Amino acid sequence: MGNNKKRSRRKPGARNYADYSAEMLDVAANLVRNKFISSYEAEKQFGIPRRTVLNKSKNIHNKQFGRPTELSAEEEAHIADVVKLSAEFGCPFTILDLRILVYNYLVKRGKDLYKGKMPGERWARAFYNVTIFPKGQHKI
Protein backbone atom coordinates (compact mmCIF):
# COMPACT_ATOMS: atom_id res chain seq x y z
CA MET A 1 0.00 0.00 0.00
CA GLY A 2 2.77 2.43 0.82
CA ASN A 3 2.85 5.42 3.07
CA ASN A 4 -0.38 7.43 2.91
CA LYS A 5 1.17 10.42 4.64
CA LYS A 6 1.16 13.39 2.29
CA ARG A 7 4.42 15.15 1.70
CA SER A 8 5.08 18.80 1.17
CA ARG A 9 4.06 19.95 -2.27
CA ARG A 10 7.02 22.27 -2.63
CA LYS A 11 9.70 20.86 -4.88
CA PRO A 12 13.44 21.19 -4.22
CA GLY A 13 14.86 24.28 -5.87
CA ALA A 14 11.48 26.02 -5.95
CA ARG A 15 11.31 29.75 -5.38
CA ASN A 16 11.68 31.03 -1.85
CA TYR A 17 8.76 33.17 -0.77
CA ALA A 18 8.83 35.85 1.89
CA ASP A 19 12.44 35.58 2.99
CA TYR A 20 11.96 38.72 5.08
CA SER A 21 10.12 39.64 8.24
CA ALA A 22 6.83 41.50 8.36
CA GLU A 23 8.46 44.23 10.47
CA MET A 24 11.11 44.89 7.84
CA LEU A 25 8.44 45.05 5.14
CA ASP A 26 6.48 47.56 7.23
CA VAL A 27 9.56 49.72 7.73
CA ALA A 28 10.40 49.65 4.03
CA ALA A 29 6.80 50.41 3.02
CA ASN A 30 6.60 53.35 5.44
CA LEU A 31 9.83 54.81 4.11
CA VAL A 32 8.58 54.51 0.53
CA ARG A 33 5.10 55.82 1.43
CA ASN A 34 6.61 58.89 3.12
CA LYS A 35 9.01 59.33 0.17
CA PHE A 36 12.20 59.11 2.21
CA ILE A 37 13.56 56.50 -0.20
CA SER A 38 12.49 55.10 -3.55
CA SER A 39 11.21 51.57 -4.06
CA TYR A 40 14.48 50.72 -5.84
CA GLU A 41 16.52 51.86 -2.85
CA ALA A 42 14.24 49.94 -0.49
CA GLU A 43 14.75 46.80 -2.57
CA LYS A 44 18.52 47.11 -2.30
CA GLN A 45 18.60 48.03 1.39
CA PHE A 46 16.05 45.54 2.72
CA GLY A 47 16.32 42.71 0.19
CA ILE A 48 12.56 42.79 -0.41
CA PRO A 49 11.20 42.79 -3.97
CA ARG A 50 10.35 46.27 -5.21
CA ARG A 51 6.76 45.43 -6.18
CA THR A 52 6.14 43.90 -2.75
CA VAL A 53 7.25 47.14 -1.08
CA LEU A 54 5.11 49.22 -3.45
CA ASN A 55 2.06 47.03 -2.95
CA LYS A 56 2.43 47.24 0.81
CA SER A 57 2.91 51.02 0.73
CA LYS A 58 -0.23 51.44 -1.41
CA ASN A 59 -2.24 48.84 0.58
CA ILE A 60 -2.70 46.63 -2.47
CA HIS A 61 -2.88 42.83 -2.09
CA ASN A 62 -2.99 43.06 1.69
CA LYS A 63 -5.13 39.98 2.28
CA GLN A 64 -3.68 37.00 4.08
CA PHE A 65 -2.07 34.59 1.64
CA GLY A 66 -2.99 30.95 1.32
CA ARG A 67 -6.30 29.19 1.42
CA PRO A 68 -8.90 30.83 3.67
CA THR A 69 -9.76 28.89 6.80
CA GLU A 70 -12.96 26.86 6.79
CA LEU A 71 -13.97 27.87 10.31
CA SER A 72 -14.01 31.40 11.68
CA ALA A 73 -11.51 32.37 14.37
CA GLU A 74 -14.31 32.36 16.95
CA GLU A 75 -15.42 28.86 15.97
CA GLU A 76 -11.85 27.57 16.11
CA ALA A 77 -11.33 29.14 19.53
CA HIS A 78 -14.60 27.64 20.80
CA ILE A 79 -13.68 24.14 19.58
CA ALA A 80 -10.14 24.47 20.97
CA ASP A 81 -11.56 25.45 24.38
CA VAL A 82 -13.83 22.40 24.40
CA VAL A 83 -10.93 20.08 23.55
CA LYS A 84 -8.65 21.66 26.18
CA LEU A 85 -11.31 21.49 28.90
CA SER A 86 -11.98 17.86 28.07
CA ALA A 87 -8.27 17.10 28.39
CA GLU A 88 -8.06 18.95 31.74
CA PHE A 89 -11.05 16.95 32.96
CA GLY A 90 -9.14 13.75 32.21
CA CYS A 91 -10.75 12.69 28.95
CA PRO A 92 -8.50 13.91 26.11
CA PHE A 93 -9.86 13.92 22.59
CA THR A 94 -8.39 11.64 19.95
CA ILE A 95 -8.13 12.67 16.32
CA LEU A 96 -11.37 10.81 15.60
CA ASP A 97 -13.12 12.50 18.54
CA LEU A 98 -12.09 15.91 17.23
CA ARG A 99 -13.34 15.08 13.75
CA ILE A 100 -16.70 13.91 15.12
CA LEU A 101 -16.98 16.98 17.35
CA VAL A 102 -16.35 19.37 14.44
CA TYR A 103 -18.71 17.46 12.16
CA ASN A 104 -21.56 17.57 14.71
CA TYR A 105 -20.83 21.23 15.46
CA LEU A 106 -21.08 22.12 11.77
CA VAL A 107 -24.27 20.07 11.29
CA LYS A 108 -25.94 21.86 14.22
CA ARG A 109 -24.81 25.23 12.82
CA GLY A 110 -26.21 24.36 9.38
CA LYS A 111 -22.84 24.60 7.64
CA ASP A 112 -21.80 22.10 4.98
CA LEU A 113 -18.07 22.76 4.69
CA TYR A 114 -16.98 19.19 4.06
CA LYS A 115 -19.80 18.05 1.73
CA GLY A 116 -21.60 15.99 4.35
CA LYS A 117 -18.44 14.26 5.56
CA MET A 118 -16.20 14.60 8.58
CA PRO A 119 -13.05 16.73 8.33
CA GLY A 120 -10.01 14.69 7.30
CA GLU A 121 -7.29 13.33 9.55
CA ARG A 122 -4.78 15.73 8.02
CA TRP A 123 -7.01 18.69 8.95
CA ALA A 124 -7.51 17.36 12.49
CA ARG A 125 -3.77 16.88 13.06
CA ALA A 126 -3.04 20.36 11.73
CA PHE A 127 -5.78 21.79 13.97
CA TYR A 128 -4.25 20.09 17.00
CA ASN A 129 -0.73 21.19 16.18
CA VAL A 130 -1.56 24.77 15.24
CA THR A 131 -4.62 25.76 17.27
CA ILE A 132 -4.71 23.60 20.36
CA PHE A 133 -1.01 22.99 21.06
CA PRO A 134 0.93 25.76 19.31
CA LYS A 135 4.71 26.17 19.32
CA GLY A 136 5.62 22.56 20.03
CA GLN A 137 3.77 22.18 23.34
CA HIS A 138 2.49 18.80 22.21
CA LYS A 139 2.69 17.08 18.87
CA ILE A 140 0.52 14.28 17.60
C-alpha atoms as a PDB file:
ATOM      1  CA  MET A   1       0.000   0.000   0.000  1.00  0.00           C
ATOM      2  CA  GLY A   2       2.769   2.434   0.821  1.00  0.00           C
ATOM      3  CA  ASN A   3       2.848   5.419   3.066  1.00  0.00           C
ATOM      4  CA  ASN A   4      -0.380   7.425   2.912  1.00  0.00           C
ATOM      5  CA  LYS A   5       1.168  10.425   4.639  1.00  0.00           C
ATOM      6  CA  LYS A   6       1.159  13.394   2.286  1.00  0.00           C
ATOM      7  CA  ARG A   7       4.417  15.151   1.704  1.00  0.00           C
ATOM      8  CA  SER A   8       5.083  18.802   1.172  1.00  0.00           C
ATOM      9  CA  ARG A   9       4.062  19.952  -2.272  1.00  0.00           C
ATOM     10  CA  ARG A  10       7.020  22.271  -2.626  1.00  0.00           C
ATOM     11  CA  LYS A  11       9.704  20.858  -4.877  1.00  0.00           C
ATOM     12  CA  PRO A  12      13.435  21.187  -4.220  1.00  0.00           C
ATOM     13  CA  GLY A  13      14.856  24.279  -5.873  1.00  0.00           C
ATOM     14  CA  ALA A  14      11.480  26.021  -5.945  1.00  0.00           C
ATOM     15  CA  ARG A  15      11.315  29.752  -5.375  1.00  0.00           C
ATOM     16  CA  ASN A  16      11.676  31.030  -1.852  1.00  0.00           C
ATOM     17  CA  TYR A  17       8.759  33.166  -0.768  1.00  0.00           C
ATOM     18  CA  ALA A  18       8.825  35.853   1.893  1.00  0.00           C
ATOM     19  CA  ASP A  19      12.444  35.582   2.995  1.00  0.00           C
ATOM     20  CA  TYR A  20      11.963  38.724   5.077  1.00  0.00           C
ATOM     21  CA  SER A  21      10.123  39.638   8.242  1.00  0.00           C
ATOM     22  CA  ALA A  22       6.831  41.505   8.359  1.00  0.00           C
ATOM     23  CA  GLU A  23       8.457  44.228  10.472  1.00  0.00           C
ATOM     24  CA  MET A  24      11.111  44.888   7.838  1.00  0.00           C
ATOM     25  CA  LEU A  25       8.437  45.049   5.140  1.00  0.00           C
ATOM     26  CA  ASP A  26       6.475  47.561   7.230  1.00  0.00           C
ATOM     27  CA  VAL A  27       9.557  49.720   7.733  1.00  0.00           C
ATOM     28  CA  ALA A  28      10.399  49.651   4.028  1.00  0.00           C
ATOM     29  CA  ALA A  29       6.796  50.406   3.025  1.00  0.00           C
ATOM     30  CA  ASN A  30       6.602  53.350   5.445  1.00  0.00           C
ATOM     31  CA  LEU A  31       9.831  54.807   4.106  1.00  0.00           C
ATOM     32  CA  VAL A  32       8.582  54.510   0.532  1.00  0.00           C
ATOM     33  CA  ARG A  33       5.102  55.821   1.432  1.00  0.00           C
ATOM     34  CA  ASN A  34       6.611  58.894   3.124  1.00  0.00           C
ATOM     35  CA  LYS A  35       9.006  59.334   0.172  1.00  0.00           C
ATOM     36  CA  PHE A  36      12.199  59.108   2.209  1.00  0.00           C
ATOM     37  CA  ILE A  37      13.565  56.504  -0.198  1.00  0.00           C
ATOM     38  CA  SER A  38      12.489  55.100  -3.548  1.00  0.00           C
ATOM     39  CA  SER A  39      11.214  51.575  -4.056  1.00  0.00           C
ATOM     40  CA  TYR A  40      14.475  50.719  -5.844  1.00  0.00           C
ATOM     41  CA  GLU A  41      16.523  51.856  -2.849  1.00  0.00           C
ATOM     42  CA  ALA A  42      14.243  49.941  -0.491  1.00  0.00           C
ATOM     43  CA  GLU A  43      14.747  46.800  -2.568  1.00  0.00           C
ATOM     44  CA  LYS A  44      18.523  47.110  -2.302  1.00  0.00           C
ATOM     45  CA  GLN A  45      18.600  48.026   1.388  1.00  0.00           C
ATOM     46  CA  PHE A  46      16.052  45.539   2.722  1.00  0.00           C
ATOM     47  CA  GLY A  47      16.321  42.715   0.186  1.00  0.00           C
ATOM     48  CA  ILE A  48      12.565  42.793  -0.410  1.00  0.00           C
ATOM     49  CA  PRO A  49      11.197  42.786  -3.970  1.00  0.00           C
ATOM     50  CA  ARG A  50      10.346  46.271  -5.210  1.00  0.00           C
ATOM     51  CA  ARG A  51       6.757  45.430  -6.176  1.00  0.00           C
ATOM     52  CA  THR A  52       6.144  43.903  -2.750  1.00  0.00           C
ATOM     53  CA  VAL A  53       7.248  47.137  -1.081  1.00  0.00           C
ATOM     54  CA  LEU A  54       5.114  49.219  -3.450  1.00  0.00           C
ATOM     55  CA  ASN A  55       2.058  47.027  -2.953  1.00  0.00           C
ATOM     56  CA  LYS A  56       2.425  47.238   0.812  1.00  0.00           C
ATOM     57  CA  SER A  57       2.911  51.015   0.732  1.00  0.00           C
ATOM     58  CA  LYS A  58      -0.228  51.438  -1.412  1.00  0.00           C
ATOM     59  CA  ASN A  59      -2.242  48.839   0.583  1.00  0.00           C
ATOM     60  CA  ILE A  60      -2.702  46.625  -2.471  1.00  0.00           C
ATOM     61  CA  HIS A  61      -2.881  42.830  -2.092  1.00  0.00           C
ATOM     62  CA  ASN A  62      -2.993  43.063   1.689  1.00  0.00           C
ATOM     63  CA  LYS A  63      -5.129  39.976   2.281  1.00  0.00           C
ATOM     64  CA  GLN A  64      -3.676  37.000   4.083  1.00  0.00           C
ATOM     65  CA  PHE A  65      -2.066  34.593   1.638  1.00  0.00           C
ATOM     66  CA  GLY A  66      -2.989  30.946   1.322  1.00  0.00           C
ATOM     67  CA  ARG A  67      -6.299  29.193   1.424  1.00  0.00           C
ATOM     68  CA  PRO A  68      -8.899  30.828   3.674  1.00  0.00           C
ATOM     69  CA  THR A  69      -9.758  28.887   6.800  1.00  0.00           C
ATOM     70  CA  GLU A  70     -12.961  26.863   6.790  1.00  0.00           C
ATOM     71  CA  LEU A  71     -13.969  27.872  10.315  1.00  0.00           C
ATOM     72  CA  SER A  72     -14.011  31.404  11.677  1.00  0.00           C
ATOM     73  CA  ALA A  73     -11.511  32.374  14.368  1.00  0.00           C
ATOM     74  CA  GLU A  74     -14.307  32.360  16.953  1.00  0.00           C
ATOM     75  CA  GLU A  75     -15.422  28.862  15.969  1.00  0.00           C
ATOM     76  CA  GLU A  76     -11.848  27.565  16.110  1.00  0.00           C
ATOM     77  CA  ALA A  77     -11.328  29.139  19.526  1.00  0.00           C
ATOM     78  CA  HIS A  78     -14.596  27.636  20.798  1.00  0.00           C
ATOM     79  CA  ILE A  79     -13.678  24.142  19.577  1.00  0.00           C
ATOM     80  CA  ALA A  80     -10.141  24.471  20.973  1.00  0.00           C
ATOM     81  CA  ASP A  81     -11.562  25.450  24.379  1.00  0.00           C
ATOM     82  CA  VAL A  82     -13.833  22.397  24.399  1.00  0.00           C
ATOM     83  CA  VAL A  83     -10.925  20.083  23.549  1.00  0.00           C
ATOM     84  CA  LYS A  84      -8.653  21.660  26.177  1.00  0.00           C
ATOM     85  CA  LEU A  85     -11.308  21.495  28.897  1.00  0.00           C
ATOM     86  CA  SER A  86     -11.978  17.861  28.073  1.00  0.00           C
ATOM     87  CA  ALA A  87      -8.265  17.103  28.393  1.00  0.00           C
ATOM     88  CA  GLU A  88      -8.060  18.950  31.741  1.00  0.00           C
ATOM     89  CA  PHE A  89     -11.051  16.946  32.961  1.00  0.00           C
ATOM     90  CA  GLY A  90      -9.138  13.747  32.213  1.00  0.00           C
ATOM     91  CA  CYS A  91     -10.746  12.686  28.950  1.00  0.00           C
ATOM     92  CA  PRO A  92      -8.495  13.913  26.114  1.00  0.00           C
ATOM     93  CA  PHE A  93      -9.857  13.924  22.593  1.00  0.00           C
ATOM     94  CA  THR A  94      -8.392  11.642  19.951  1.00  0.00           C
ATOM     95  CA  ILE A  95      -8.130  12.672  16.323  1.00  0.00           C
ATOM     96  CA  LEU A  96     -11.374  10.812  15.599  1.00  0.00           C
ATOM     97  CA  ASP A  97     -13.119  12.497  18.540  1.00  0.00           C
ATOM     98  CA  LEU A  98     -12.089  15.908  17.234  1.00  0.00           C
ATOM     99  CA  ARG A  99     -13.341  15.084  13.745  1.00  0.00           C
ATOM    100  CA  ILE A 100     -16.696  13.907  15.124  1.00  0.00           C
ATOM    101  CA  LEU A 101     -16.982  16.983  17.348  1.00  0.00           C
ATOM    102  CA  VAL A 102     -16.352  19.374  14.444  1.00  0.00           C
ATOM    103  CA  TYR A 103     -18.712  17.457  12.162  1.00  0.00           C
ATOM    104  CA  ASN A 104     -21.558  17.569  14.709  1.00  0.00           C
ATOM    105  CA  TYR A 105     -20.831  21.231  15.458  1.00  0.00           C
ATOM    106  CA  LEU A 106     -21.081  22.124  11.771  1.00  0.00           C
ATOM    107  CA  VAL A 107     -24.272  20.074  11.293  1.00  0.00           C
ATOM    108  CA  LYS A 108     -25.940  21.863  14.217  1.00  0.00           C
ATOM    109  CA  ARG A 109     -24.810  25.226  12.816  1.00  0.00           C
ATOM    110  CA  GLY A 110     -26.214  24.364   9.379  1.00  0.00           C
ATOM    111  CA  LYS A 111     -22.842  24.598   7.638  1.00  0.00           C
ATOM    112  CA  ASP A 112     -21.803  22.097   4.983  1.00  0.00           C
ATOM    113  CA  LEU A 113     -18.067  22.765   4.695  1.00  0.00           C
ATOM    114  CA  TYR A 114     -16.984  19.189   4.065  1.00  0.00           C
ATOM    115  CA  LYS A 115     -19.800  18.049   1.730  1.00  0.00           C
ATOM    116  CA  GLY A 116     -21.601  15.993   4.351  1.00  0.00           C
ATOM    117  CA  LYS A 117     -18.436  14.259   5.559  1.00  0.00           C
ATOM    118  CA  MET A 118     -16.199  14.605   8.579  1.00  0.00           C
ATOM    119  CA  PRO A 119     -13.051  16.725   8.328  1.00  0.00           C
ATOM    120  CA  GLY A 120     -10.014  14.689   7.302  1.00  0.00           C
ATOM    121  CA  GLU A 121      -7.291  13.329   9.545  1.00  0.00           C
ATOM    122  CA  ARG A 122      -4.782  15.733   8.023  1.00  0.00           C
ATOM    123  CA  TRP A 123      -7.010  18.692   8.947  1.00  0.00           C
ATOM    124  CA  ALA A 124      -7.508  17.357  12.492  1.00  0.00           C
ATOM    125  CA  ARG A 125      -3.770  16.880  13.057  1.00  0.00           C
ATOM    126  CA  ALA A 126      -3.045  20.363  11.735  1.00  0.00           C
ATOM    127  CA  PHE A 127      -5.778  21.791  13.973  1.00  0.00           C
ATOM    128  CA  TYR A 128      -4.251  20.089  16.998  1.00  0.00           C
ATOM    129  CA  ASN A 129      -0.726  21.193  16.182  1.00  0.00           C
ATOM    130  CA  VAL A 130      -1.562  24.775  15.239  1.00  0.00           C
ATOM    131  CA  THR A 131      -4.618  25.762  17.265  1.00  0.00           C
ATOM    132  CA  ILE A 132      -4.707  23.601  20.364  1.00  0.00           C
ATOM    133  CA  PHE A 133      -1.010  22.988  21.061  1.00  0.00           C
ATOM    134  CA  PRO A 134       0.926  25.764  19.309  1.00  0.00           C
ATOM    135  CA  LYS A 135       4.713  26.173  19.325  1.00  0.00           C
ATOM    136  CA  GLY A 136       5.617  22.565  20.025  1.00  0.00           C
ATOM    137  CA  GLN A 137       3.775  22.183  23.335  1.00  0.00           C
ATOM    138  CA  HIS A 138       2.493  18.801  22.211  1.00  0.00           C
ATOM    139  CA  LYS A 139       2.692  17.080  18.866  1.00  0.00           C
ATOM    140  CA  ILE A 140       0.524  14.277  17.601  1.00  0.00           C
END
